[in-house]
């Protein structure tokens, strides 16, 4: 604490000393009969040299930070398209850096070379069509190339998956991720937000005849409970509370009517894709060199599925399904060996500020070799065994 105080005192005294030296310089200039606005050639020459020296210091600092922190905080890309995306990013950085050094060199060079001298006169140069054409056309061509390459990369990420791609759904809500694997048939069962019910272990609203019937009964029980409260002689509610309770009954009744209409025309064959789906709330496991098509949904607000190590990101929007694909190329074990870090893990993050606990919304991702992944996925229970069979008991 004392050392910090001493440093603060030294800084303050240094500022005072510099201000006093500046004051002495002003007084000396006045004694010599020199006006404040008069600038000598020696002063201009000194400023020009200081400008050039500052340019060297400035460029040296930039080069140091590029060398020290240029790779950023992420390791090499661990997906097929991520390698191409890193290449495109490096191309952008190369172009930006080249323009940065060129323009700043010219700025400092001309400021130091063509400083004001006695008898010199600035050349009046208001406009030049050729120069205008050059600095309009060249940046346009460069930007067009960057945009075309970026769209190509984006289309590869969001384009149609191959027939071998494994389908996985990621469901986001404040403040967690839930994964649903498509099972042996590689087809995800249908979903309906009106069927979301944690009480029967159906957090994603997967559609089957049993889950629809169970949800209808559960909603009817809520309606009966709310009406009992409203009709009770022993309970008195404020007007605004009573109004909200009536609205809740109306809303639940509408949902029940819609579900009953859907159930009346429901085809039991639609159950089949859902029965072998596997819902996972722990780590997300992926097989190395296996293409994945991820489908995203959100329950409450806009989230963003961000896989930083795979260079992939997509917003998850309530009432809308979004998607992308990627192929992991480096297992977790291999990346730990590359980084010499036994604690390293791939991660799925939310990249939208979605609420108070946004920073806690993440899911660890394990990229396994084929044997490890097959053993893990075989151990995960199906939707039929965890939900349907339980409800049928």
Protein backbone atom coordinates (compact mmCIF):
# COMPACT_ATOMS: atom_id res chain seq x y z
CA UNK A 1 0.00 0.00 0.00
CA UNK A 2 2.85 2.38 0.89
CA UNK A 3 4.67 1.68 -2.38
CA UNK A 4 1.51 2.50 -4.38
CA UNK A 5 1.14 5.76 -2.48
CA UNK A 6 4.79 6.68 -3.20
CA UNK A 7 4.31 5.92 -6.91
CA UNK A 8 1.21 8.14 -6.96
CA UNK A 9 3.16 10.99 -5.31
CA UNK A 10 5.99 10.63 -7.85
CA UNK A 11 3.52 10.78 -10.75
CA UNK A 12 1.83 13.89 -9.35
CA UNK A 13 5.20 15.60 -8.77
CA UNK A 14 6.28 14.67 -12.30
CA UNK A 15 3.17 16.31 -13.76
CA UNK A 16 3.77 19.43 -11.66
CA UNK A 17 7.41 19.56 -12.78
CA UNK A 18 6.47 19.28 -16.46
CA UNK A 19 3.88 22.04 -16.14
CA UNK A 20 6.43 24.29 -14.46
CA UNK A 21 9.01 23.61 -17.20
CA UNK A 22 6.39 24.54 -19.79
CA UNK A 23 5.75 27.76 -17.90
CA UNK A 24 9.49 28.55 -17.78
CA UNK A 25 9.69 27.94 -21.55
CA UNK A 26 6.83 30.42 -22.15
CA UNK A 27 8.48 33.08 -19.96
CA UNK A 28 11.83 32.61 -21.70
CA UNK A 29 10.15 33.04 -25.10
CA UNK A 30 8.53 36.26 -23.95
CA UNK A 31 11.86 37.62 -22.68
CA UNK A 32 13.36 36.95 -26.13
CA UNK A 33 10.51 38.90 -27.72
CA UNK A 34 9.17 35.79 -29.38
CA UNK A 35 5.42 35.57 -29.96
CA UNK A 36 3.56 32.46 -28.91
CA UNK A 37 2.28 31.86 -32.44
CA UNK A 38 5.75 32.11 -33.98
CA UNK A 39 7.14 28.68 -34.74
CA UNK A 40 10.77 28.41 -35.76
CA UNK A 41 12.19 26.04 -38.36
CA UNK A 42 14.04 24.22 -35.60
CA UNK A 43 10.75 23.58 -33.77
CA UNK A 44 9.13 22.27 -36.95
CA UNK A 45 12.14 20.09 -37.67
CA UNK A 46 12.07 18.67 -34.15
CA UNK A 47 8.34 17.92 -34.44
CA UNK A 48 8.94 16.19 -37.77
CA UNK A 49 11.62 13.97 -36.25
CA UNK A 50 9.42 13.22 -33.25
CA UNK A 51 6.60 12.30 -35.63
CA UNK A 52 8.83 9.79 -37.41
CA UNK A 53 10.11 8.42 -34.09
CA UNK A 54 6.54 8.02 -32.86
CA UNK A 55 5.69 6.09 -36.05
CA UNK A 56 8.50 3.62 -35.35
CA UNK A 57 7.37 3.24 -31.72
CA UNK A 58 3.75 2.85 -32.84
CA UNK A 59 4.54 0.18 -35.43
CA UNK A 60 6.83 -1.62 -33.01
CA UNK A 61 4.03 -1.77 -30.42
CA UNK A 62 1.56 -3.13 -32.98
CA UNK A 63 4.02 -5.80 -34.14
CA UNK A 64 4.66 -6.79 -30.51
CA UNK A 65 0.95 -7.24 -29.78
CA UNK A 66 0.47 -9.19 -33.02
CA UNK A 67 3.32 -11.49 -32.04
CA UNK A 68 2.26 -11.86 -28.42
CA UNK A 69 -1.53 -12.09 -28.79
CA UNK A 70 -2.14 -12.53 -32.51
CA UNK A 71 -3.32 -16.14 -32.22
CA UNK A 72 -6.08 -15.09 -29.85
CA UNK A 73 -7.43 -17.25 -27.05
CA UNK A 74 -8.67 -20.15 -29.20
CA UNK A 75 -6.67 -23.17 -30.36
CA UNK A 76 -6.76 -24.40 -33.95
CA UNK A 77 -10.18 -25.04 -35.45
CA UNK A 78 -11.57 -28.49 -34.65
CA UNK A 79 -14.01 -28.80 -37.55
CA UNK A 80 -13.77 -29.10 -41.33
CA UNK A 81 -15.32 -25.76 -42.17
CA UNK A 82 -13.56 -24.12 -39.19
CA UNK A 83 -10.20 -24.51 -40.94
CA UNK A 84 -11.57 -22.67 -43.98
CA UNK A 85 -13.11 -20.04 -41.73
CA UNK A 86 -9.78 -19.44 -39.98
CA UNK A 87 -8.12 -19.11 -43.39
CA UNK A 88 -10.68 -16.49 -44.38
CA UNK A 89 -10.16 -14.65 -41.11
CA UNK A 90 -6.39 -14.67 -41.64
CA UNK A 91 -6.91 -13.29 -45.15
CA UNK A 92 -9.01 -10.46 -43.71
CA UNK A 93 -6.38 -9.74 -41.06
CA UNK A 94 -3.63 -9.72 -43.72
CA UNK A 95 -5.55 -7.22 -45.88
CA UNK A 96 -6.41 -5.01 -42.91
CA UNK A 97 -2.84 -5.10 -41.58
CA UNK A 98 -1.35 -4.26 -44.99
CA UNK A 99 -3.68 -1.27 -45.41
CA UNK A 100 -3.05 -0.22 -41.80
CA UNK A 101 0.74 -0.13 -42.14
CA UNK A 102 0.64 1.47 -45.60
CA UNK A 103 -1.76 4.30 -44.76
CA UNK A 104 -0.19 5.07 -41.39
CA UNK A 105 3.31 5.04 -42.88
CA UNK A 106 2.23 7.57 -45.50
CA UNK A 107 0.50 9.66 -42.82
CA UNK A 108 3.59 9.89 -40.59
CA UNK A 109 6.09 10.00 -43.47
CA UNK A 110 4.47 12.98 -45.19
CA UNK A 111 3.94 14.76 -41.86
CA UNK A 112 7.67 14.40 -41.07
CA UNK A 113 9.05 15.06 -44.56
CA UNK A 114 6.93 18.01 -45.64
CA UNK A 115 6.92 20.06 -42.47
CA UNK A 116 6.52 23.83 -42.70
CA UNK A 117 9.63 25.71 -43.83
CA UNK A 118 10.13 29.43 -44.37
CA UNK A 119 9.21 30.45 -47.87
CA UNK A 120 7.42 27.18 -48.66
CA UNK A 121 3.88 27.18 -49.99
CA UNK A 122 1.35 24.33 -49.86
CA UNK A 123 0.31 22.92 -53.22
CA UNK A 124 -3.42 23.33 -53.86
CA UNK A 125 -4.72 19.88 -54.87
CA UNK A 126 -8.55 19.80 -54.57
CA UNK A 127 -9.49 16.84 -56.77
CA UNK A 128 -8.19 14.08 -59.05
CA UNK A 129 -10.51 11.75 -60.96
CA UNK A 130 -7.86 9.07 -61.37
CA UNK A 131 -7.16 8.89 -57.64
CA UNK A 132 -10.88 8.83 -56.85
CA UNK A 133 -11.29 5.92 -59.26
CA UNK A 134 -8.34 4.00 -57.78
CA UNK A 135 -9.40 4.22 -54.12
CA UNK A 136 -13.01 3.41 -55.02
CA UNK A 137 -12.52 0.50 -57.41
CA UNK A 138 -9.71 -1.35 -55.59
CA UNK A 139 -11.48 -1.47 -52.16
CA UNK A 140 -14.70 -2.50 -53.94
CA UNK A 141 -12.96 -5.43 -55.63
CA UNK A 142 -11.30 -6.51 -52.37
CA UNK A 143 -14.59 -6.30 -50.46
CA UNK A 144 -16.39 -8.24 -53.20
CA UNK A 145 -13.82 -11.06 -52.94
CA UNK A 146 -14.15 -11.16 -49.13
CA UNK A 147 -17.97 -11.18 -49.29
CA UNK A 148 -18.04 -13.94 -51.93
CA UNK A 149 -15.66 -16.11 -49.89
CA UNK A 150 -17.69 -15.41 -46.73
CA UNK A 151 -20.97 -16.37 -48.42
CA UNK A 152 -19.34 -19.54 -49.73
CA UNK A 153 -18.28 -20.49 -46.19
CA UNK A 154 -21.71 -19.60 -44.78
CA UNK A 155 -23.47 -21.72 -47.42
CA UNK A 156 -21.25 -24.67 -46.51
CA UNK A 157 -22.27 -24.36 -42.84
CA UNK A 158 -25.99 -23.85 -43.46
CA UNK A 159 -26.43 -25.91 -46.64
CA UNK A 160 -28.16 -29.26 -46.92
CA UNK A 161 -26.38 -32.01 -44.95
CA UNK A 162 -25.16 -35.23 -46.50
CA UNK A 163 -27.19 -38.42 -46.18
CA UNK A 164 -24.75 -39.66 -43.52
CA UNK A 165 -25.19 -36.61 -41.29
CA UNK A 166 -26.47 -37.41 -37.80
CA UNK A 167 -29.31 -35.19 -36.60
CA UNK A 168 -29.19 -33.65 -33.12
CA UNK A 169 -31.58 -31.10 -31.64
CA UNK A 170 -30.36 -28.49 -29.14
CA UNK A 171 -33.05 -26.89 -27.00
CA UNK A 172 -32.26 -23.63 -25.20
CA UNK A 173 -34.00 -22.01 -22.29
CA UNK A 174 -32.97 -19.80 -19.40
CA UNK A 175 -30.36 -20.97 -18.47
CA UNK A 176 -29.55 -24.42 -19.82
CA UNK A 177 -29.12 -26.57 -22.93
CA UNK A 178 -30.83 -29.89 -23.61
CA UNK A 179 -29.78 -32.21 -26.44
CA UNK A 180 -31.98 -34.70 -28.30
CA UNK A 181 -30.29 -37.37 -30.41
CA UNK A 182 -32.28 -38.84 -33.29
CA UNK A 183 -31.70 -42.50 -32.40
CA UNK A 184 -31.12 -45.43 -34.72
CA UNK A 185 -33.52 -44.21 -37.41
CA UNK A 186 -31.72 -40.82 -37.52
CA UNK A 187 -35.10 -39.06 -37.59
CA UNK A 188 -36.12 -36.65 -34.87
CA UNK A 189 -39.67 -37.00 -33.61
CA UNK A 190 -42.06 -34.08 -34.07
CA UNK A 191 -42.47 -31.47 -31.33
CA UNK A 192 -45.14 -29.07 -30.12
CA UNK A 193 -44.46 -26.28 -27.64
CA UNK A 194 -47.88 -26.89 -26.08
CA UNK A 195 -46.62 -30.28 -24.87
CA UNK A 196 -43.59 -29.00 -22.92
CA UNK A 197 -43.96 -30.54 -19.47
CA UNK A 198 -41.08 -31.22 -17.08
CA UNK A 199 -43.40 -33.11 -14.73
CA UNK A 200 -43.60 -36.01 -17.19
CA UNK A 201 -39.98 -35.66 -18.35
CA UNK A 202 -40.99 -34.10 -21.66
CA UNK A 203 -39.02 -30.82 -21.53
CA UNK A 204 -38.84 -30.53 -25.33
CA UNK A 205 -42.53 -31.10 -26.07
CA UNK A 206 -41.99 -34.28 -28.10
CA UNK A 207 -45.22 -35.35 -29.84
CA UNK A 208 -46.73 -38.81 -29.29
CA UNK A 209 -50.28 -39.89 -28.60
CA UNK A 210 -49.43 -40.61 -24.97
CA UNK A 211 -47.76 -37.23 -24.33
CA UNK A 212 -50.71 -35.43 -25.94
CA UNK A 213 -53.26 -37.30 -23.83
CA UNK A 214 -51.22 -36.78 -20.66
CA UNK A 215 -50.81 -33.06 -21.35
CA UNK A 216 -54.52 -32.62 -21.99
CA UNK A 217 -55.34 -34.26 -18.65
CA UNK A 218 -52.72 -32.15 -16.86
CA UNK A 219 -54.08 -28.92 -18.35
CA UNK A 220 -57.66 -29.85 -17.51
CA UNK A 221 -56.58 -30.45 -13.90
CA UNK A 222 -55.01 -26.96 -13.82
CA UNK A 223 -58.22 -25.44 -15.18
CA UNK A 224 -60.29 -27.20 -12.51
CA UNK A 225 -57.87 -26.01 -9.83
CA UNK A 226 -57.99 -22.38 -11.01
CA UNK A 227 -61.78 -22.40 -11.23
CA UNK A 228 -62.01 -23.87 -7.73
CA UNK A 229 -59.90 -21.02 -6.40
CA UNK A 230 -62.05 -18.43 -8.21
CA UNK A 231 -65.30 -19.96 -6.92
CA UNK A 232 -64.06 -20.47 -3.36
CA UNK A 233 -65.89 -18.50 -0.66
CA UNK A 234 -62.84 -18.59 1.62
CA UNK A 235 -60.44 -17.02 -0.90
CA UNK A 236 -60.55 -13.35 -1.88
CA UNK A 237 -58.31 -11.98 -4.66
CA UNK A 238 -57.51 -8.45 -5.73
CA UNK A 239 -59.22 -7.40 -8.96
CA UNK A 240 -56.02 -7.54 -11.04
CA UNK A 241 -55.13 -11.00 -9.69
CA UNK A 242 -58.63 -12.31 -10.34
CA UNK A 243 -58.50 -10.90 -13.88
CA UNK A 244 -55.21 -12.71 -14.55
CA UNK A 245 -56.64 -15.96 -13.19
CA UNK A 246 -59.65 -15.71 -15.53
CA UNK A 247 -57.28 -15.04 -18.45
CA UNK A 248 -55.18 -18.04 -17.47
CA UNK A 249 -58.27 -20.28 -17.49
CA UNK A 250 -59.21 -18.95 -20.93
CA UNK A 251 -55.70 -19.53 -22.28
CA UNK A 252 -55.47 -23.07 -20.90
CA UNK A 253 -58.92 -23.87 -22.27
CA UNK A 254 -57.86 -22.73 -25.75
CA UNK A 255 -54.73 -24.91 -25.57
CA UNK A 256 -56.81 -27.92 -24.51
CA UNK A 257 -59.25 -27.41 -27.38
CA UNK A 258 -56.40 -27.22 -29.92
CA UNK A 259 -54.69 -30.30 -28.52
CA UNK A 260 -57.97 -32.25 -28.58
CA UNK A 261 -58.49 -31.24 -32.22
CA UNK A 262 -54.97 -32.38 -33.10
CA UNK A 263 -55.41 -35.61 -31.15
CA UNK A 264 -58.67 -36.41 -32.97
CA UNK A 265 -56.83 -36.56 -36.31
CA UNK A 266 -53.55 -37.95 -34.96
CA UNK A 267 -51.87 -40.81 -36.81
CA UNK A 268 -50.11 -43.26 -34.50
CA UNK A 269 -47.38 -43.83 -37.09
CA UNK A 270 -46.06 -40.37 -36.13
CA UNK A 271 -44.97 -41.87 -32.79
CA UNK A 272 -42.29 -44.04 -34.40
CA UNK A 273 -39.57 -41.38 -35.03
CA UNK A 274 -39.88 -40.12 -31.45
CA UNK A 275 -39.69 -43.43 -29.61
CA UNK A 276 -35.94 -43.98 -30.13
CA UNK A 277 -34.93 -40.33 -29.58
CA UNK A 278 -32.54 -39.82 -26.66
CA UNK A 279 -32.73 -36.70 -24.48
CA UNK A 280 -29.45 -35.72 -22.81
CA UNK A 281 -28.96 -32.97 -20.25
CA UNK A 282 -25.32 -33.65 -19.36
CA UNK A 283 -22.37 -33.35 -21.72
CA UNK A 284 -22.93 -33.24 -25.46
CA UNK A 285 -21.02 -36.14 -27.04
CA UNK A 286 -19.97 -36.10 -30.70
CA UNK A 287 -18.18 -38.65 -32.85
CA UNK A 288 -14.98 -37.48 -34.56
CA UNK A 289 -15.16 -37.14 -38.37
CA UNK A 290 -18.95 -37.58 -38.26
CA UNK A 291 -21.04 -34.84 -39.90
CA UNK A 292 -23.78 -33.45 -37.65
CA UNK A 293 -26.85 -31.44 -38.50
CA UNK A 294 -27.89 -29.41 -35.47
CA UNK A 295 -31.46 -28.14 -35.18
CA UNK A 296 -32.13 -25.39 -32.66
CA UNK A 297 -35.17 -24.26 -30.70
CA UNK A 298 -35.67 -21.80 -27.86
CA UNK A 299 -38.33 -21.88 -25.16
CA UNK A 300 -38.34 -18.34 -23.81
CA UNK A 301 -36.03 -15.66 -25.30
CA UNK A 302 -33.48 -15.47 -28.11
CA UNK A 303 -30.32 -17.43 -27.29
CA UNK A 304 -27.33 -18.18 -29.49
CA UNK A 305 -25.67 -21.57 -29.87
CA UNK A 306 -21.95 -20.83 -30.03
CA UNK A 307 -19.34 -23.55 -30.56
CA UNK A 308 -16.13 -21.46 -30.44
CA UNK A 309 -13.72 -24.34 -31.05
CA UNK A 310 -15.70 -25.49 -34.10
CA UNK A 311 -16.18 -21.93 -35.41
CA UNK A 312 -19.97 -22.27 -35.55
CA UNK A 313 -22.78 -20.10 -34.22
CA UNK A 314 -26.53 -19.79 -34.76
CA UNK A 315 -29.30 -17.86 -33.03
CA UNK A 316 -32.03 -19.92 -31.37
CA UNK A 317 -35.38 -18.17 -31.66
CA UNK A 318 -38.68 -18.93 -29.87
CA UNK A 319 -41.27 -20.24 -32.33
CA UNK A 320 -38.67 -20.82 -35.06
CA UNK A 321 -36.35 -23.70 -35.91
CA UNK A 322 -32.80 -22.83 -37.03
CA UNK A 323 -29.98 -25.15 -38.08
CA UNK A 324 -26.39 -25.59 -39.19
CA UNK A 325 -23.94 -28.44 -39.69
CA UNK A 326 -20.32 -29.19 -38.95
CA UNK A 327 -17.93 -32.13 -38.76
CA UNK A 328 -15.61 -32.34 -35.72
CA UNK A 329 -12.09 -33.42 -36.70
CA UNK A 330 -10.12 -33.50 -33.43
CA UNK A 331 -11.14 -35.54 -30.38
CA UNK A 332 -11.08 -34.00 -26.93
CA UNK A 333 -8.19 -36.28 -26.00
CA UNK A 334 -6.16 -35.23 -29.06
CA UNK A 335 -6.77 -31.53 -28.40
CA UNK A 336 -5.68 -31.93 -24.78
CA UNK A 337 -2.45 -33.50 -26.03
CA UNK A 338 -1.92 -30.73 -28.58
CA UNK A 339 -2.44 -28.03 -25.95
CA UNK A 340 -0.74 -30.02 -23.17
CA UNK A 341 -3.75 -29.19 -21.01
CA UNK A 342 -5.56 -32.09 -19.31
CA UNK A 343 -8.35 -29.74 -18.21
CA UNK A 344 -9.28 -28.59 -21.71
CA UNK A 345 -12.86 -29.12 -22.86
CA UNK A 346 -14.86 -28.11 -25.90
CA UNK A 347 -17.89 -26.10 -24.92
CA UNK A 348 -21.29 -24.93 -26.16
CA UNK A 349 -22.05 -21.38 -24.99
CA UNK A 350 -24.94 -18.96 -25.26
CA UNK A 351 -23.70 -15.90 -27.13
CA UNK A 352 -26.72 -13.70 -26.43
CA UNK A 353 -27.19 -11.86 -23.15
CA UNK A 354 -30.35 -13.76 -22.24
CA UNK A 355 -30.81 -12.85 -18.57
CA UNK A 356 -29.23 -12.65 -15.14
CA UNK A 357 -27.57 -16.10 -15.30
CA UNK A 358 -26.49 -15.87 -18.94
CA UNK A 359 -22.85 -16.56 -18.03
CA UNK A 360 -23.83 -19.92 -16.52
CA UNK A 361 -25.50 -21.16 -19.70
CA UNK A 362 -23.04 -23.59 -21.19
CA UNK A 363 -22.73 -27.28 -22.03
CA UNK A 364 -19.50 -29.26 -22.16
CA UNK A 365 -18.83 -31.01 -25.47
CA UNK A 366 -16.94 -34.29 -25.69
CA UNK A 367 -15.59 -35.34 -29.08
CA UNK A 368 -14.95 -39.08 -28.86
CA UNK A 369 -13.44 -41.69 -31.12
CA UNK A 370 -15.94 -44.03 -32.78
CA UNK A 371 -15.75 -46.84 -30.22
CA UNK A 372 -16.11 -44.53 -27.21
CA UNK A 373 -19.01 -42.65 -28.78
CA UNK A 374 -20.88 -45.81 -29.81
CA UNK A 375 -20.54 -47.19 -26.28
CA UNK A 376 -21.78 -43.92 -24.75
CA UNK A 377 -24.78 -43.48 -27.06
CA UNK A 378 -25.82 -47.11 -26.50
CA UNK A 379 -26.07 -46.41 -22.76
CA UNK A 380 -28.45 -43.47 -23.16
CA UNK A 381 -32.12 -44.34 -22.53
CA UNK A 382 -34.68 -43.76 -25.27
CA UNK A 383 -37.72 -41.51 -25.06
CA UNK A 384 -39.88 -44.61 -25.05
CA UNK A 385 -38.19 -46.10 -21.99
CA UNK A 386 -38.00 -42.89 -19.97
CA UNK A 387 -41.37 -41.32 -20.81
CA UNK A 388 -43.79 -43.47 -22.79
CA UNK A 389 -43.35 -46.68 -20.78
CA UNK A 390 -43.57 -44.74 -17.51
CA UNK A 391 -46.78 -43.01 -18.55
CA UNK A 392 -48.31 -46.28 -19.73
CA UNK A 393 -47.82 -47.95 -16.35
